[in-house]
Amino acid sequence: MTRRIRTILASTVLAASLGTGVLATTPAYAGGQFSVSIAPGNADQDQLMRAGLGIYALVNGIQNGSITQNGSGNSGGLAQNGWGNLGVVHQEGNGHNGTLSQNGNGNSYGLFQFGNGTNAHVQQNGHGGTGLGFIFGW
């Protein structure tokens, strides 16, 4: 997972540095979003990610799922069908739209949106899926 994160960050920095000259000569665009999705590559990474989501849930008093929204104009949805699922939709800022649907057993996912005006929808089908999504909007 560390190698994958470094690759994502390096490609993001490269894209940002290549685009810097273009952005300086063109008008700014209103609105946009950038997202990073993380999925475990092996059983150890899966356990670590589940533990992290479990600690987040424990600290925030969450049993199976939660939607937390700080800001205005946000909409969030969480649907779970099965047992042992943990789903989190956390939105900080304004104008976010985020949903998480879990069908099956033992799934864990955290959808975290920050900034303004992001739009993200995640669906987990099957058993034992794990993931994280971070979306940043402007």
N, C-alpha and C. Protein backbone atom coordinates (compact mmCIF):
# COMPACT_ATOMS: atom_id res chain seq x y z
N MET A 1 0.82 -1.18 0.00
CA MET A 1 0.00 0.00 0.00
C MET A 1 0.87 1.25 0.00
N THR A 2 1.98 1.25 0.72
CA THR A 2 2.85 2.41 0.78
C THR A 2 3.37 2.76 -0.60
N ARG A 3 3.75 1.76 -1.36
CA ARG A 3 4.25 2.00 -2.71
C ARG A 3 3.17 2.62 -3.58
N ARG A 4 1.94 2.13 -3.45
CA ARG A 4 0.83 2.65 -4.24
C ARG A 4 0.53 4.11 -3.86
N ILE A 5 0.56 4.42 -2.56
CA ILE A 5 0.30 5.79 -2.12
C ILE A 5 1.39 6.71 -2.66
N ARG A 6 2.65 6.27 -2.59
CA ARG A 6 3.74 7.09 -3.12
C ARG A 6 3.57 7.33 -4.61
N THR A 7 3.13 6.31 -5.34
CA THR A 7 2.91 6.44 -6.77
C THR A 7 1.80 7.45 -7.05
N ILE A 8 0.71 7.35 -6.28
CA ILE A 8 -0.40 8.29 -6.46
C ILE A 8 0.05 9.71 -6.15
N LEU A 9 0.76 9.89 -5.04
CA LEU A 9 1.22 11.23 -4.67
C LEU A 9 2.21 11.78 -5.69
N ALA A 10 3.12 10.93 -6.16
CA ALA A 10 4.10 11.39 -7.14
C ALA A 10 3.42 11.80 -8.43
N SER A 11 2.45 11.02 -8.89
CA SER A 11 1.76 11.38 -10.13
C SER A 11 0.91 12.63 -9.94
N THR A 12 0.37 12.82 -8.74
CA THR A 12 -0.41 14.03 -8.45
C THR A 12 0.49 15.27 -8.48
N VAL A 13 1.67 15.17 -7.85
CA VAL A 13 2.62 16.28 -7.85
C VAL A 13 3.08 16.58 -9.26
N LEU A 14 3.35 15.54 -10.04
CA LEU A 14 3.77 15.71 -11.43
C LEU A 14 2.68 16.41 -12.23
N ALA A 15 1.45 15.95 -12.09
CA ALA A 15 0.34 16.56 -12.82
C ALA A 15 0.16 18.02 -12.41
N ALA A 16 0.29 18.29 -11.12
CA ALA A 16 0.14 19.67 -10.63
C ALA A 16 1.25 20.55 -11.17
N SER A 17 2.48 20.03 -11.18
CA SER A 17 3.60 20.86 -11.65
C SER A 17 3.52 21.08 -13.16
N LEU A 18 3.06 20.09 -13.90
CA LEU A 18 2.90 20.27 -15.34
C LEU A 18 1.79 21.25 -15.65
N GLY A 19 0.76 21.24 -14.84
CA GLY A 19 -0.38 22.11 -15.08
C GLY A 19 -0.21 23.52 -14.57
N THR A 20 0.82 23.78 -13.79
CA THR A 20 1.01 25.09 -13.18
C THR A 20 1.11 26.19 -14.22
N GLY A 21 1.90 25.99 -15.26
CA GLY A 21 2.05 27.00 -16.29
C GLY A 21 0.75 27.25 -17.04
N VAL A 22 -0.02 26.21 -17.28
CA VAL A 22 -1.29 26.34 -17.97
C VAL A 22 -2.28 27.11 -17.11
N LEU A 23 -2.33 26.80 -15.82
CA LEU A 23 -3.27 27.48 -14.94
C LEU A 23 -2.94 28.95 -14.80
N ALA A 24 -1.67 29.30 -14.90
CA ALA A 24 -1.27 30.70 -14.76
C ALA A 24 -1.70 31.53 -15.95
N THR A 25 -1.92 30.91 -17.11
CA THR A 25 -2.26 31.67 -18.30
C THR A 25 -3.72 31.56 -18.70
N THR A 26 -4.50 30.76 -17.99
CA THR A 26 -5.92 30.63 -18.32
C THR A 26 -6.76 31.05 -17.12
N PRO A 27 -8.02 31.39 -17.36
CA PRO A 27 -8.88 31.78 -16.24
C PRO A 27 -9.10 30.62 -15.29
N ALA A 28 -9.33 30.94 -14.03
CA ALA A 28 -9.61 29.90 -13.03
C ALA A 28 -10.96 29.27 -13.31
N TYR A 29 -11.06 28.00 -13.09
CA TYR A 29 -12.33 27.30 -13.25
C TYR A 29 -13.07 27.30 -11.93
N ALA A 30 -14.36 27.55 -11.99
CA ALA A 30 -15.19 27.51 -10.79
C ALA A 30 -15.57 26.06 -10.52
N GLY A 31 -15.29 25.61 -9.35
CA GLY A 31 -15.67 24.25 -8.96
C GLY A 31 -14.77 23.19 -9.55
N GLY A 32 -14.71 22.10 -8.87
CA GLY A 32 -13.93 20.95 -9.30
C GLY A 32 -13.67 20.07 -8.11
N GLN A 33 -13.16 18.88 -8.37
CA GLN A 33 -12.84 18.00 -7.26
C GLN A 33 -11.68 17.09 -7.62
N PHE A 34 -11.03 16.63 -6.59
CA PHE A 34 -9.89 15.73 -6.69
C PHE A 34 -10.16 14.59 -5.72
N SER A 35 -9.99 13.36 -6.15
CA SER A 35 -10.28 12.25 -5.25
C SER A 35 -9.14 11.23 -5.24
N VAL A 36 -9.02 10.57 -4.09
CA VAL A 36 -8.06 9.49 -3.91
C VAL A 36 -8.82 8.32 -3.30
N SER A 37 -8.76 7.19 -3.96
CA SER A 37 -9.38 5.98 -3.44
C SER A 37 -8.28 5.00 -3.06
N ILE A 38 -8.46 4.38 -1.90
CA ILE A 38 -7.45 3.45 -1.41
C ILE A 38 -8.10 2.11 -1.13
N ALA A 39 -7.54 1.06 -1.70
CA ALA A 39 -8.00 -0.30 -1.47
C ALA A 39 -6.81 -1.13 -1.00
N PRO A 40 -7.01 -2.00 -0.03
CA PRO A 40 -5.90 -2.83 0.45
C PRO A 40 -5.44 -3.82 -0.62
N GLY A 41 -4.15 -4.06 -0.64
CA GLY A 41 -3.58 -4.99 -1.61
C GLY A 41 -3.35 -6.39 -1.07
N ASN A 42 -3.44 -6.55 0.26
CA ASN A 42 -3.26 -7.87 0.85
C ASN A 42 -4.00 -7.93 2.18
N ALA A 43 -3.96 -9.07 2.83
CA ALA A 43 -4.70 -9.28 4.07
C ALA A 43 -4.23 -8.38 5.21
N ASP A 44 -2.92 -8.14 5.30
CA ASP A 44 -2.40 -7.27 6.35
C ASP A 44 -2.89 -5.83 6.18
N GLN A 45 -2.87 -5.35 4.96
CA GLN A 45 -3.35 -4.00 4.68
C GLN A 45 -4.86 -3.91 4.94
N ASP A 46 -5.59 -4.95 4.60
CA ASP A 46 -7.03 -4.99 4.86
C ASP A 46 -7.30 -4.88 6.36
N GLN A 47 -6.56 -5.64 7.16
CA GLN A 47 -6.73 -5.58 8.62
C GLN A 47 -6.38 -4.21 9.17
N LEU A 48 -5.32 -3.60 8.65
CA LEU A 48 -4.92 -2.28 9.11
C LEU A 48 -5.98 -1.23 8.77
N MET A 49 -6.53 -1.30 7.57
CA MET A 49 -7.55 -0.35 7.16
C MET A 49 -8.83 -0.54 7.98
N ARG A 50 -9.22 -1.79 8.20
CA ARG A 50 -10.40 -2.07 9.04
C ARG A 50 -10.18 -1.58 10.47
N ALA A 51 -8.97 -1.75 10.98
CA ALA A 51 -8.66 -1.27 12.34
C ALA A 51 -8.78 0.25 12.40
N GLY A 52 -8.27 0.93 11.40
CA GLY A 52 -8.37 2.39 11.35
C GLY A 52 -9.81 2.86 11.32
N LEU A 53 -10.63 2.23 10.48
CA LEU A 53 -12.06 2.57 10.43
C LEU A 53 -12.74 2.22 11.74
N GLY A 54 -12.33 1.12 12.36
CA GLY A 54 -12.89 0.72 13.65
C GLY A 54 -12.57 1.73 14.75
N ILE A 55 -11.34 2.23 14.75
CA ILE A 55 -10.95 3.25 15.74
C ILE A 55 -11.75 4.53 15.50
N TYR A 56 -11.89 4.93 14.23
CA TYR A 56 -12.71 6.10 13.89
C TYR A 56 -14.13 5.91 14.42
N ALA A 57 -14.69 4.71 14.19
CA ALA A 57 -16.05 4.42 14.64
C ALA A 57 -16.15 4.45 16.16
N LEU A 58 -15.17 3.89 16.83
CA LEU A 58 -15.17 3.86 18.30
C LEU A 58 -15.11 5.28 18.87
N VAL A 59 -14.21 6.09 18.35
CA VAL A 59 -14.06 7.47 18.82
C VAL A 59 -15.34 8.27 18.60
N ASN A 60 -16.03 7.99 17.49
CA ASN A 60 -17.23 8.75 17.15
C ASN A 60 -18.53 8.06 17.55
N GLY A 61 -18.46 6.96 18.31
CA GLY A 61 -19.65 6.28 18.79
C GLY A 61 -20.48 5.63 17.70
N ILE A 62 -19.84 5.08 16.69
CA ILE A 62 -20.53 4.46 15.56
C ILE A 62 -20.51 2.95 15.72
N GLN A 63 -21.67 2.31 15.49
CA GLN A 63 -21.70 0.84 15.53
C GLN A 63 -21.60 0.25 14.13
N ASN A 64 -22.56 0.53 13.28
CA ASN A 64 -22.57 -0.05 11.93
C ASN A 64 -22.36 0.98 10.83
N GLY A 65 -22.84 2.19 11.08
CA GLY A 65 -22.71 3.20 10.04
C GLY A 65 -23.08 4.57 10.56
N SER A 66 -22.62 5.57 9.84
CA SER A 66 -22.86 6.93 10.28
C SER A 66 -22.71 7.90 9.12
N ILE A 67 -23.46 8.99 9.21
CA ILE A 67 -23.29 10.13 8.31
C ILE A 67 -23.03 11.34 9.20
N THR A 68 -21.90 11.99 8.98
CA THR A 68 -21.56 13.20 9.72
C THR A 68 -21.39 14.32 8.71
N GLN A 69 -22.10 15.43 8.95
CA GLN A 69 -22.03 16.56 8.03
C GLN A 69 -21.79 17.84 8.82
N ASN A 70 -20.73 18.54 8.48
CA ASN A 70 -20.43 19.84 9.08
C ASN A 70 -20.35 20.85 7.94
N GLY A 71 -21.34 21.72 7.87
CA GLY A 71 -21.43 22.70 6.81
C GLY A 71 -22.89 22.88 6.43
N SER A 72 -23.13 23.39 5.24
CA SER A 72 -24.52 23.59 4.80
C SER A 72 -24.70 23.07 3.38
N GLY A 73 -25.94 22.70 3.07
CA GLY A 73 -26.27 22.23 1.73
C GLY A 73 -25.72 20.87 1.39
N ASN A 74 -25.41 20.06 2.39
CA ASN A 74 -24.87 18.72 2.15
C ASN A 74 -25.99 17.70 2.11
N SER A 75 -25.81 16.65 1.31
CA SER A 75 -26.72 15.52 1.34
C SER A 75 -25.90 14.24 1.37
N GLY A 76 -26.32 13.33 2.22
CA GLY A 76 -25.59 12.07 2.36
C GLY A 76 -26.55 10.92 2.54
N GLY A 77 -26.16 9.76 2.08
CA GLY A 77 -26.98 8.57 2.23
C GLY A 77 -26.12 7.36 2.53
N LEU A 78 -26.70 6.46 3.32
CA LEU A 78 -26.02 5.21 3.68
C LEU A 78 -27.05 4.11 3.69
N ALA A 79 -26.85 3.08 2.88
CA ALA A 79 -27.75 1.93 2.83
C ALA A 79 -26.92 0.67 3.05
N GLN A 80 -27.37 -0.16 3.98
CA GLN A 80 -26.65 -1.40 4.28
C GLN A 80 -27.62 -2.56 4.24
N ASN A 81 -27.23 -3.60 3.53
CA ASN A 81 -28.03 -4.81 3.41
C ASN A 81 -27.11 -5.99 3.69
N GLY A 82 -27.22 -6.58 4.87
CA GLY A 82 -26.35 -7.67 5.29
C GLY A 82 -25.96 -7.45 6.73
N TRP A 83 -24.98 -8.19 7.20
CA TRP A 83 -24.55 -8.05 8.60
C TRP A 83 -23.06 -7.74 8.65
N GLY A 84 -22.67 -7.12 9.77
CA GLY A 84 -21.26 -6.86 10.01
C GLY A 84 -20.65 -5.79 9.13
N ASN A 85 -21.45 -4.94 8.53
CA ASN A 85 -20.92 -3.86 7.68
C ASN A 85 -20.63 -2.63 8.51
N LEU A 86 -19.61 -1.89 8.11
CA LEU A 86 -19.29 -0.60 8.72
C LEU A 86 -19.16 0.41 7.59
N GLY A 87 -20.01 1.41 7.61
CA GLY A 87 -19.99 2.44 6.58
C GLY A 87 -19.96 3.83 7.20
N VAL A 88 -19.11 4.70 6.67
CA VAL A 88 -18.98 6.06 7.16
C VAL A 88 -19.03 7.02 5.98
N VAL A 89 -19.91 8.01 6.08
CA VAL A 89 -19.93 9.13 5.15
C VAL A 89 -19.68 10.37 6.00
N HIS A 90 -18.55 11.02 5.78
CA HIS A 90 -18.15 12.19 6.58
C HIS A 90 -17.92 13.36 5.63
N GLN A 91 -18.67 14.45 5.84
CA GLN A 91 -18.58 15.60 4.95
C GLN A 91 -18.26 16.86 5.75
N GLU A 92 -17.22 17.57 5.33
CA GLU A 92 -16.81 18.84 5.94
C GLU A 92 -16.83 19.89 4.85
N GLY A 93 -17.64 20.92 5.02
CA GLY A 93 -17.74 21.97 4.02
C GLY A 93 -19.17 22.09 3.53
N ASN A 94 -19.34 22.64 2.35
CA ASN A 94 -20.67 22.95 1.84
C ASN A 94 -20.94 22.31 0.49
N GLY A 95 -22.21 21.95 0.27
CA GLY A 95 -22.66 21.49 -1.04
C GLY A 95 -22.17 20.12 -1.46
N HIS A 96 -21.89 19.24 -0.51
CA HIS A 96 -21.44 17.88 -0.85
C HIS A 96 -22.64 16.97 -1.09
N ASN A 97 -22.42 15.97 -1.94
CA ASN A 97 -23.40 14.92 -2.18
C ASN A 97 -22.64 13.60 -2.13
N GLY A 98 -22.94 12.76 -1.15
CA GLY A 98 -22.21 11.51 -1.01
C GLY A 98 -23.10 10.38 -0.54
N THR A 99 -22.97 9.22 -1.17
CA THR A 99 -23.73 8.04 -0.76
C THR A 99 -22.82 6.82 -0.71
N LEU A 100 -23.19 5.91 0.16
CA LEU A 100 -22.49 4.64 0.31
C LEU A 100 -23.53 3.55 0.43
N SER A 101 -23.42 2.54 -0.41
CA SER A 101 -24.33 1.40 -0.39
C SER A 101 -23.51 0.13 -0.20
N GLN A 102 -23.88 -0.66 0.81
CA GLN A 102 -23.17 -1.90 1.11
C GLN A 102 -24.16 -3.06 1.05
N ASN A 103 -23.92 -3.99 0.14
CA ASN A 103 -24.74 -5.19 -0.01
C ASN A 103 -23.86 -6.40 0.18
N GLY A 104 -24.13 -7.17 1.20
CA GLY A 104 -23.31 -8.32 1.53
C GLY A 104 -22.93 -8.25 3.00
N ASN A 105 -21.94 -8.99 3.37
CA ASN A 105 -21.55 -9.08 4.78
C ASN A 105 -20.09 -8.71 4.98
N GLY A 106 -19.81 -8.07 6.13
CA GLY A 106 -18.44 -7.79 6.52
C GLY A 106 -17.72 -6.75 5.68
N ASN A 107 -18.46 -5.83 5.08
CA ASN A 107 -17.83 -4.77 4.29
C ASN A 107 -17.50 -3.57 5.18
N SER A 108 -16.44 -2.85 4.83
CA SER A 108 -16.05 -1.63 5.54
C SER A 108 -15.64 -0.59 4.51
N TYR A 109 -16.18 0.62 4.66
CA TYR A 109 -15.78 1.70 3.75
C TYR A 109 -15.95 3.04 4.45
N GLY A 110 -15.00 3.93 4.22
CA GLY A 110 -15.07 5.29 4.72
C GLY A 110 -15.00 6.27 3.56
N LEU A 111 -16.04 7.09 3.41
CA LEU A 111 -16.11 8.11 2.37
C LEU A 111 -15.99 9.47 3.05
N PHE A 112 -14.90 10.19 2.77
CA PHE A 112 -14.61 11.45 3.43
C PHE A 112 -14.53 12.56 2.38
N GLN A 113 -15.39 13.58 2.53
CA GLN A 113 -15.44 14.68 1.57
C GLN A 113 -15.12 16.00 2.29
N PHE A 114 -14.27 16.80 1.65
CA PHE A 114 -13.82 18.05 2.25
C PHE A 114 -13.91 19.17 1.21
N GLY A 115 -13.99 20.40 1.71
CA GLY A 115 -14.04 21.56 0.82
C GLY A 115 -15.46 21.90 0.46
N ASN A 116 -15.71 22.07 -0.85
CA ASN A 116 -17.04 22.45 -1.32
C ASN A 116 -17.42 21.70 -2.59
N GLY A 117 -18.69 21.33 -2.66
CA GLY A 117 -19.28 20.84 -3.90
C GLY A 117 -18.77 19.53 -4.45
N THR A 118 -18.43 18.57 -3.60
CA THR A 118 -17.98 17.28 -4.12
C THR A 118 -19.17 16.36 -4.33
N ASN A 119 -18.97 15.37 -5.18
CA ASN A 119 -20.01 14.43 -5.54
C ASN A 119 -19.36 13.05 -5.62
N ALA A 120 -19.74 12.14 -4.70
CA ALA A 120 -19.13 10.81 -4.68
C ALA A 120 -20.15 9.77 -4.27
N HIS A 121 -20.13 8.64 -4.96
CA HIS A 121 -21.07 7.55 -4.68
C HIS A 121 -20.30 6.23 -4.75
N VAL A 122 -20.43 5.43 -3.69
CA VAL A 122 -19.70 4.17 -3.58
C VAL A 122 -20.70 3.04 -3.38
N GLN A 123 -20.47 1.93 -4.07
CA GLN A 123 -21.29 0.74 -3.87
C GLN A 123 -20.38 -0.46 -3.66
N GLN A 124 -20.60 -1.15 -2.54
CA GLN A 124 -19.87 -2.38 -2.25
C GLN A 124 -20.84 -3.54 -2.36
N ASN A 125 -20.51 -4.51 -3.19
CA ASN A 125 -21.31 -5.72 -3.33
C ASN A 125 -20.42 -6.91 -3.01
N GLY A 126 -20.97 -7.89 -2.33
CA GLY A 126 -20.19 -9.06 -1.98
C GLY A 126 -19.84 -9.04 -0.51
N HIS A 127 -18.81 -9.76 -0.17
CA HIS A 127 -18.45 -9.94 1.23
C HIS A 127 -17.00 -9.54 1.47
N GLY A 128 -16.78 -8.84 2.59
CA GLY A 128 -15.42 -8.54 3.04
C GLY A 128 -14.69 -7.45 2.28
N GLY A 129 -15.41 -6.59 1.57
CA GLY A 129 -14.75 -5.48 0.86
C GLY A 129 -14.32 -4.39 1.82
N THR A 130 -13.21 -3.74 1.51
CA THR A 130 -12.68 -2.67 2.35
C THR A 130 -12.16 -1.55 1.46
N GLY A 131 -12.35 -0.30 1.90
CA GLY A 131 -11.81 0.81 1.12
C GLY A 131 -12.00 2.15 1.80
N LEU A 132 -11.29 3.12 1.28
CA LEU A 132 -11.38 4.50 1.74
C LEU A 132 -11.44 5.40 0.51
N GLY A 133 -12.22 6.47 0.61
CA GLY A 133 -12.27 7.46 -0.44
C GLY A 133 -12.15 8.85 0.18
N PHE A 134 -11.24 9.65 -0.37
CA PHE A 134 -11.05 11.03 0.09
C PHE A 134 -11.29 11.94 -1.10
N ILE A 135 -12.26 12.84 -0.98
CA ILE A 135 -12.61 13.73 -2.07
C ILE A 135 -12.48 15.17 -1.58
N PHE A 136 -11.78 15.97 -2.36
CA PHE A 136 -11.55 17.38 -2.01
C PHE A 136 -12.14 18.24 -3.10
N GLY A 137 -12.97 19.20 -2.74
CA GLY A 137 -13.63 20.04 -3.74
C GLY A 137 -13.36 21.51 -3.53
N TRP A 138 -13.50 22.27 -4.61
CA TRP A 138 -13.34 23.72 -4.57
C TRP A 138 -14.35 24.39 -5.46
